Amino acid sequence: MWLTANSLAADWTEGARLRYVSIELANSIWAIELLRDARELALFDNALQLDYKSVIVRGIHDICAARLETWLFEK
């Protein structure tokens, strides 16, 4: 979904690997109990978009970006 929303594409093997890494990453972030209730954290703005003014949103983004920078080189 993210690839399509950002006008990107991946072949099915890259898509499968990215899916696996994304699930792994989501599980590791979900393990941080403070981040489980998005309503309490105000992660979204009024248009239901991520609110990048939030330190927490930027922190989660940085964790995800750093992890996804290495996924391509994993086999």
PDB file of N, CA and C in Angstrom:
ATOM      1  N   MET A   1       0.830  -1.185   0.000  1.00  0.00           N
ATOM      2  CA  MET A   1       0.000   0.000   0.000  1.00  0.00           C
ATOM      3  C   MET A   1       0.885   1.264   0.000  1.00  0.00           C
ATOM      4  N   TRP A   2       1.934   1.258   0.845  1.00  0.00           N
ATOM      5  CA  TRP A   2       2.804   2.430   0.922  1.00  0.00           C
ATOM      6  C   TRP A   2       3.507   2.651  -0.418  1.00  0.00           C
ATOM      7  N   LEU A   3       3.961   1.571  -1.035  1.00  0.00           N
ATOM      8  CA  LEU A   3       4.635   1.701  -2.329  1.00  0.00           C
ATOM      9  C   LEU A   3       3.712   2.369  -3.346  1.00  0.00           C
ATOM     10  N   THR A   4       2.484   1.913  -3.422  1.00  0.00           N
ATOM     11  CA  THR A   4       1.519   2.475  -4.362  1.00  0.00           C
ATOM     12  C   THR A   4       1.235   3.939  -4.038  1.00  0.00           C
ATOM     13  N   ALA A   5       1.046   4.240  -2.760  1.00  0.00           N
ATOM     14  CA  ALA A   5       0.744   5.615  -2.343  1.00  0.00           C
ATOM     15  C   ALA A   5       1.879   6.569  -2.680  1.00  0.00           C
ATOM     16  N   ASN A   6       3.092   6.037  -2.754  1.00  0.00           N
ATOM     17  CA  ASN A   6       4.256   6.872  -3.045  1.00  0.00           C
ATOM     18  C   ASN A   6       4.769   6.669  -4.466  1.00  0.00           C
ATOM     19  N   SER A   7       3.917   6.128  -5.330  1.00  0.00           N
ATOM     20  CA  SER A   7       4.230   5.904  -6.743  1.00  0.00           C
ATOM     21  C   SER A   7       5.513   5.098  -6.945  1.00  0.00           C
ATOM     22  N   LEU A   8       5.672   4.067  -6.131  1.00  0.00           N
ATOM     23  CA  LEU A   8       6.828   3.184  -6.229  1.00  0.00           C
ATOM     24  C   LEU A   8       6.359   1.774  -6.560  1.00  0.00           C
ATOM     25  N   ALA A   9       7.273   0.941  -6.951  1.00  0.00           N
ATOM     26  CA  ALA A   9       6.934  -0.443  -7.264  1.00  0.00           C
ATOM     27  C   ALA A   9       8.093  -1.342  -6.856  1.00  0.00           C
ATOM     28  N   ALA A  10       7.761  -2.611  -6.589  1.00  0.00           N
ATOM     29  CA  ALA A  10       8.775  -3.612  -6.276  1.00  0.00           C
ATOM     30  C   ALA A  10       8.323  -4.918  -6.902  1.00  0.00           C
ATOM     31  N   ASP A  11       9.304  -5.742  -7.319  1.00  0.00           N
ATOM     32  CA  ASP A  11       8.895  -7.051  -7.825  1.00  0.00           C
ATOM     33  C   ASP A  11       8.406  -7.894  -6.646  1.00  0.00           C
ATOM     34  N   TRP A  12       7.829  -9.044  -6.928  1.00  0.00           N
ATOM     35  CA  TRP A  12       7.178  -9.807  -5.869  1.00  0.00           C
ATOM     36  C   TRP A  12       8.152 -10.301  -4.815  1.00  0.00           C
ATOM     37  N   THR A  13       9.406 -10.595  -5.192  1.00  0.00           N
ATOM     38  CA  THR A  13      10.355 -11.066  -4.183  1.00  0.00           C
ATOM     39  C   THR A  13      10.759  -9.932  -3.245  1.00  0.00           C
ATOM     40  N   GLU A  14      10.983  -8.750  -3.815  1.00  0.00           N
ATOM     41  CA  GLU A  14      11.286  -7.599  -2.958  1.00  0.00           C
ATOM     42  C   GLU A  14      10.092  -7.282  -2.065  1.00  0.00           C
ATOM     43  N   GLY A  15       8.901  -7.357  -2.635  1.00  0.00           N
ATOM     44  CA  GLY A  15       7.691  -7.109  -1.857  1.00  0.00           C
ATOM     45  C   GLY A  15       7.542  -8.077  -0.696  1.00  0.00           C
ATOM     46  N   ALA A  16       7.840  -9.357  -0.935  1.00  0.00           N
ATOM     47  CA  ALA A  16       7.750 -10.366   0.119  1.00  0.00           C
ATOM     48  C   ALA A  16       8.787 -10.105   1.210  1.00  0.00           C
ATOM     49  N   ARG A  17       9.999  -9.765   0.803  1.00  0.00           N
ATOM     50  CA  ARG A  17      11.042  -9.461   1.791  1.00  0.00           C
ATOM     51  C   ARG A  17      10.703  -8.211   2.576  1.00  0.00           C
ATOM     52  N   LEU A  18      10.205  -7.189   1.893  1.00  0.00           N
ATOM     53  CA  LEU A  18       9.828  -5.949   2.562  1.00  0.00           C
ATOM     54  C   LEU A  18       8.687  -6.204   3.541  1.00  0.00           C
ATOM     55  N   ARG A  19       7.747  -7.058   3.159  1.00  0.00           N
ATOM     56  CA  ARG A  19       6.640  -7.408   4.061  1.00  0.00           C
ATOM     57  C   ARG A  19       7.184  -8.031   5.336  1.00  0.00           C
ATOM     58  N   TYR A  20       8.113  -8.974   5.199  1.00  0.00           N
ATOM     59  CA  TYR A  20       8.698  -9.642   6.360  1.00  0.00           C
ATOM     60  C   TYR A  20       9.409  -8.632   7.271  1.00  0.00           C
ATOM     61  N   VAL A  21      10.227  -7.778   6.691  1.00  0.00           N
ATOM     62  CA  VAL A  21      10.965  -6.777   7.479  1.00  0.00           C
ATOM     63  C   VAL A  21       9.989  -5.805   8.143  1.00  0.00           C
ATOM     64  N   SER A  22       8.927  -5.433   7.435  1.00  0.00           N
ATOM     65  CA  SER A  22       7.943  -4.506   7.996  1.00  0.00           C
ATOM     66  C   SER A  22       7.226  -5.114   9.191  1.00  0.00           C
ATOM     67  N   ILE A  23       6.878  -6.390   9.093  1.00  0.00           N
ATOM     68  CA  ILE A  23       6.224  -7.071  10.221  1.00  0.00           C
ATOM     69  C   ILE A  23       7.178  -7.151  11.407  1.00  0.00           C
ATOM     70  N   GLU A  24       8.417  -7.510  11.134  1.00  0.00           N
ATOM     71  CA  GLU A  24       9.428  -7.592  12.181  1.00  0.00           C
ATOM     72  C   GLU A  24       9.605  -6.229  12.870  1.00  0.00           C
ATOM     73  N   LEU A  25       9.665  -5.184  12.082  1.00  0.00           N
ATOM     74  CA  LEU A  25       9.837  -3.830  12.603  1.00  0.00           C
ATOM     75  C   LEU A  25       8.620  -3.390  13.408  1.00  0.00           C
ATOM     76  N   ALA A  26       7.425  -3.646  12.888  1.00  0.00           N
ATOM     77  CA  ALA A  26       6.194  -3.280  13.604  1.00  0.00           C
ATOM     78  C   ALA A  26       6.119  -4.009  14.947  1.00  0.00           C
ATOM     79  N   ASN A  27       6.494  -5.278  14.966  1.00  0.00           N
ATOM     80  CA  ASN A  27       6.481  -6.032  16.222  1.00  0.00           C
ATOM     81  C   ASN A  27       7.453  -5.458  17.236  1.00  0.00           C
ATOM     82  N   SER A  28       8.614  -5.023  16.780  1.00  0.00           N
ATOM     83  CA  SER A  28       9.592  -4.468  17.723  1.00  0.00           C
ATOM     84  C   SER A  28       9.129  -3.120  18.274  1.00  0.00           C
ATOM     85  N   ILE A  29       8.468  -2.324  17.446  1.00  0.00           N
ATOM     86  CA  ILE A  29       7.943  -1.045  17.939  1.00  0.00           C
ATOM     87  C   ILE A  29       6.745  -1.293  18.850  1.00  0.00           C
ATOM     88  N   TRP A  30       5.894  -2.271  18.484  1.00  0.00           N
ATOM     89  CA  TRP A  30       4.728  -2.604  19.302  1.00  0.00           C
ATOM     90  C   TRP A  30       5.158  -3.084  20.687  1.00  0.00           C
ATOM     91  N   ALA A  31       6.351  -3.655  20.809  1.00  0.00           N
ATOM     92  CA  ALA A  31       6.850  -4.141  22.098  1.00  0.00           C
ATOM     93  C   ALA A  31       7.078  -3.004  23.086  1.00  0.00           C
ATOM     94  N   ILE A  32       7.187  -1.786  22.596  1.00  0.00           N
ATOM     95  CA  ILE A  32       7.356  -0.621  23.467  1.00  0.00           C
ATOM     96  C   ILE A  32       5.965  -0.215  23.938  1.00  0.00           C
ATOM     97  N   GLU A  33       5.639  -0.578  25.153  1.00  0.00           N
ATOM     98  CA  GLU A  33       4.269  -0.428  25.647  1.00  0.00           C
ATOM     99  C   GLU A  33       3.759   1.011  25.575  1.00  0.00           C
ATOM    100  N   LEU A  34       4.616   1.976  25.781  1.00  0.00           N
ATOM    101  CA  LEU A  34       4.192   3.384  25.737  1.00  0.00           C
ATOM    102  C   LEU A  34       3.662   3.801  24.366  1.00  0.00           C
ATOM    103  N   LEU A  35       4.009   3.063  23.317  1.00  0.00           N
ATOM    104  CA  LEU A  35       3.618   3.435  21.964  1.00  0.00           C
ATOM    105  C   LEU A  35       2.362   2.717  21.476  1.00  0.00           C
ATOM    106  N   ARG A  36       1.710   1.958  22.342  1.00  0.00           N
ATOM    107  CA  ARG A  36       0.580   1.134  21.904  1.00  0.00           C
ATOM    108  C   ARG A  36      -0.727   1.886  21.726  1.00  0.00           C
ATOM    109  N   ASP A  37      -0.931   2.999  22.410  1.00  0.00           N
ATOM    110  CA  ASP A  37      -2.206   3.700  22.315  1.00  0.00           C
ATOM    111  C   ASP A  37      -2.037   4.996  21.530  1.00  0.00           C
ATOM    112  N   ALA A  38      -2.285   4.932  20.243  1.00  0.00           N
ATOM    113  CA  ALA A  38      -2.102   6.092  19.367  1.00  0.00           C
ATOM    114  C   ALA A  38      -3.016   7.246  19.758  1.00  0.00           C
ATOM    115  N   ARG A  39      -4.187   6.933  20.318  1.00  0.00           N
ATOM    116  CA  ARG A  39      -5.107   8.016  20.723  1.00  0.00           C
ATOM    117  C   ARG A  39      -4.502   8.855  21.828  1.00  0.00           C
ATOM    118  N   GLU A  40      -3.824   8.211  22.750  1.00  0.00           N
ATOM    119  CA  GLU A  40      -3.198   8.926  23.864  1.00  0.00           C
ATOM    120  C   GLU A  40      -1.979   9.720  23.415  1.00  0.00           C
ATOM    121  N   LEU A  41      -1.317   9.251  22.388  1.00  0.00           N
ATOM    122  CA  LEU A  41      -0.072   9.874  21.953  1.00  0.00           C
ATOM    123  C   LEU A  41      -0.273  11.002  20.954  1.00  0.00           C
ATOM    124  N   ALA A  42      -1.467  11.122  20.399  1.00  0.00           N
ATOM    125  CA  ALA A  42      -1.759  12.136  19.381  1.00  0.00           C
ATOM    126  C   ALA A  42      -0.754  12.050  18.236  1.00  0.00           C
ATOM    127  N   LEU A  43      -0.694  10.882  17.610  1.00  0.00           N
ATOM    128  CA  LEU A  43       0.232  10.664  16.506  1.00  0.00           C
ATOM    129  C   LEU A  43      -0.277  11.218  15.190  1.00  0.00           C
ATOM    130  N   PHE A  44      -1.576  11.517  15.137  1.00  0.00           N
ATOM    131  CA  PHE A  44      -2.206  11.941  13.887  1.00  0.00           C
ATOM    132  C   PHE A  44      -2.766  13.346  14.017  1.00  0.00           C
ATOM    133  N   ASP A  45      -2.796  14.071  12.891  1.00  0.00           N
ATOM    134  CA  ASP A  45      -3.405  15.403  12.886  1.00  0.00           C
ATOM    135  C   ASP A  45      -4.897  15.273  12.580  1.00  0.00           C
ATOM    136  N   ASN A  46      -5.567  16.391  12.404  1.00  0.00           N
ATOM    137  CA  ASN A  46      -7.015  16.378  12.160  1.00  0.00           C
ATOM    138  C   ASN A  46      -7.391  15.706  10.847  1.00  0.00           C
ATOM    139  N   ALA A  47      -6.467  15.638   9.900  1.00  0.00           N
ATOM    140  CA  ALA A  47      -6.719  14.983   8.608  1.00  0.00           C
ATOM    141  C   ALA A  47      -6.331  13.504   8.646  1.00  0.00           C
ATOM    142  N   LEU A  48      -6.050  12.991   9.857  1.00  0.00           N
ATOM    143  CA  LEU A  48      -5.639  11.600  10.066  1.00  0.00           C
ATOM    144  C   LEU A  48      -4.345  11.245   9.333  1.00  0.00           C
ATOM    145  N   GLN A  49      -3.484  12.232   9.173  1.00  0.00           N
ATOM    146  CA  GLN A  49      -2.140  12.022   8.644  1.00  0.00           C
ATOM    147  C   GLN A  49      -1.179  12.012   9.832  1.00  0.00           C
ATOM    148  N   LEU A  50      -0.053  11.302   9.690  1.00  0.00           N
ATOM    149  CA  LEU A  50       0.932  11.336  10.768  1.00  0.00           C
ATOM    150  C   LEU A  50       1.359  12.770  11.035  1.00  0.00           C
ATOM    151  N   ASP A  51       1.439  13.119  12.299  1.00  0.00           N
ATOM    152  CA  ASP A  51       1.808  14.476  12.707  1.00  0.00           C
ATOM    153  C   ASP A  51       3.315  14.516  12.968  1.00  0.00           C
ATOM    154  N   TYR A  52       4.062  14.934  11.964  1.00  0.00           N
ATOM    155  CA  TYR A  52       5.524  14.936  12.077  1.00  0.00           C
ATOM    156  C   TYR A  52       6.042  16.029  13.002  1.00  0.00           C
ATOM    157  N   LYS A  53       5.169  16.836  13.580  1.00  0.00           N
ATOM    158  CA  LYS A  53       5.597  17.767  14.629  1.00  0.00           C
ATOM    159  C   LYS A  53       5.796  17.024  15.946  1.00  0.00           C
ATOM    160  N   SER A  54       5.213  15.833  16.046  1.00  0.00           N
ATOM    161  CA  SER A  54       5.334  15.016  17.255  1.00  0.00           C
ATOM    162  C   SER A  54       6.721  14.378  17.327  1.00  0.00           C
ATOM    163  N   VAL A  55       7.360  14.520  18.467  1.00  0.00           N
ATOM    164  CA  VAL A  55       8.672  13.909  18.685  1.00  0.00           C
ATOM    165  C   VAL A  55       8.563  12.390  18.575  1.00  0.00           C
ATOM    166  N   ILE A  56       7.462  11.823  19.038  1.00  0.00           N
ATOM    167  CA  ILE A  56       7.282  10.374  18.983  1.00  0.00           C
ATOM    168  C   ILE A  56       7.148   9.901  17.539  1.00  0.00           C
ATOM    169  N   VAL A  57       6.372  10.605  16.739  1.00  0.00           N
ATOM    170  CA  VAL A  57       6.223  10.243  15.320  1.00  0.00           C
ATOM    171  C   VAL A  57       7.574  10.316  14.623  1.00  0.00           C
ATOM    172  N   ARG A  58       8.314  11.373  14.864  1.00  0.00           N
ATOM    173  CA  ARG A  58       9.628  11.496  14.232  1.00  0.00           C
ATOM    174  C   ARG A  58      10.579  10.394  14.699  1.00  0.00           C
ATOM    175  N   GLY A  59      10.489  10.023  15.975  1.00  0.00           N
ATOM    176  CA  GLY A  59      11.329   8.954  16.506  1.00  0.00           C
ATOM    177  C   GLY A  59      11.013   7.614  15.864  1.00  0.00           C
ATOM    178  N   ILE A  60       9.711   7.291  15.760  1.00  0.00           N
ATOM    179  CA  ILE A  60       9.303   6.046  15.108  1.00  0.00           C
ATOM    180  C   ILE A  60       9.739   6.062  13.645  1.00  0.00           C
ATOM    181  N   HIS A  61       9.559   7.191  12.984  1.00  0.00           N
ATOM    182  CA  HIS A  61       9.978   7.324  11.583  1.00  0.00           C
ATOM    183  C   HIS A  61      11.475   7.075  11.440  1.00  0.00           C
ATOM    184  N   ASP A  62      12.266   7.657  12.330  1.00  0.00           N
ATOM    185  CA  ASP A  62      13.721   7.481  12.262  1.00  0.00           C
ATOM    186  C   ASP A  62      14.123   6.021  12.463  1.00  0.00           C
ATOM    187  N   ILE A  63      13.461   5.332  13.405  1.00  0.00           N
ATOM    188  CA  ILE A  63      13.737   3.910  13.638  1.00  0.00           C
ATOM    189  C   ILE A  63      13.418   3.111  12.380  1.00  0.00           C
ATOM    190  N   CYS A  64      12.250   3.370  11.800  1.00  0.00           N
ATOM    191  CA  CYS A  64      11.835   2.640  10.594  1.00  0.00           C
ATOM    192  C   CYS A  64      12.761   2.932   9.419  1.00  0.00           C
ATOM    193  N   ALA A  65      13.102   4.194   9.233  1.00  0.00           N
ATOM    194  CA  ALA A  65      13.973   4.566   8.116  1.00  0.00           C
ATOM    195  C   ALA A  65      15.344   3.910   8.256  1.00  0.00           C
ATOM    196  N   ALA A  66      15.893   3.919   9.460  1.00  0.00           N
ATOM    197  CA  ALA A  66      17.206   3.314   9.676  1.00  0.00           C
ATOM    198  C   ALA A  66      17.154   1.813   9.401  1.00  0.00           C
ATOM    199  N   ARG A  67      16.087   1.155   9.837  1.00  0.00           N
ATOM    200  CA  ARG A  67      15.963  -0.294   9.617  1.00  0.00           C
ATOM    201  C   ARG A  67      15.780  -0.616   8.137  1.00  0.00           C
ATOM    202  N   LEU A  68      14.970   0.155   7.465  1.00  0.00           N
ATOM    203  CA  LEU A  68      14.686  -0.128   6.069  1.00  0.00           C
ATOM    204  C   LEU A  68      15.852   0.224   5.142  1.00  0.00           C
ATOM    205  N   GLU A  69      16.788   1.035   5.613  1.00  0.00           N
ATOM    206  CA  GLU A  69      17.977   1.317   4.807  1.00  0.00           C
ATOM    207  C   GLU A  69      18.841   0.070   4.638  1.00  0.00           C
ATOM    208  N   THR A  70      18.728  -0.879   5.558  1.00  0.00           N
ATOM    209  CA  THR A  70      19.569  -2.079   5.498  1.00  0.00           C
ATOM    210  C   THR A  70      18.854  -3.291   4.927  1.00  0.00           C
ATOM    211  N   TRP A  71      17.532  -3.277   4.819  1.00  0.00           N
ATOM    212  CA  TRP A  71      16.791  -4.478   4.427  1.00  0.00           C
ATOM    213  C   TRP A  71      17.153  -4.975   3.039  1.00  0.00           C
ATOM    214  N   LEU A  72      17.475  -4.061   2.148  1.00  0.00           N
ATOM    215  CA  LEU A  72      17.770  -4.439   0.776  1.00  0.00           C
ATOM    216  C   LEU A  72      18.992  -5.345   0.666  1.00  0.00           C
ATOM    217  N   PHE A  73      19.917  -5.212   1.612  1.00  0.00           N
ATOM    218  CA  PHE A  73      21.165  -5.961   1.547  1.00  0.00           C
ATOM    219  C   PHE A  73      21.084  -7.298   2.275  1.00  0.00           C
ATOM    220  N   GLU A  74      19.946  -7.578   2.904  1.00  0.00           N
ATOM    221  CA  GLU A  74      19.762  -8.846   3.618  1.00  0.00           C
ATOM    222  C   GLU A  74      19.188  -9.878   2.669  1.00  0.00           C
ATOM    223  N   LYS A  75      19.658 -11.050   2.756  1.00  0.00           N
ATOM    224  CA  LYS A  75      19.131 -12.142   1.925  1.00  0.00           C
ATOM    225  C   LYS A  75      18.696 -13.276   2.812  1.00  0.00           C
TER     226      LYS A  75
END
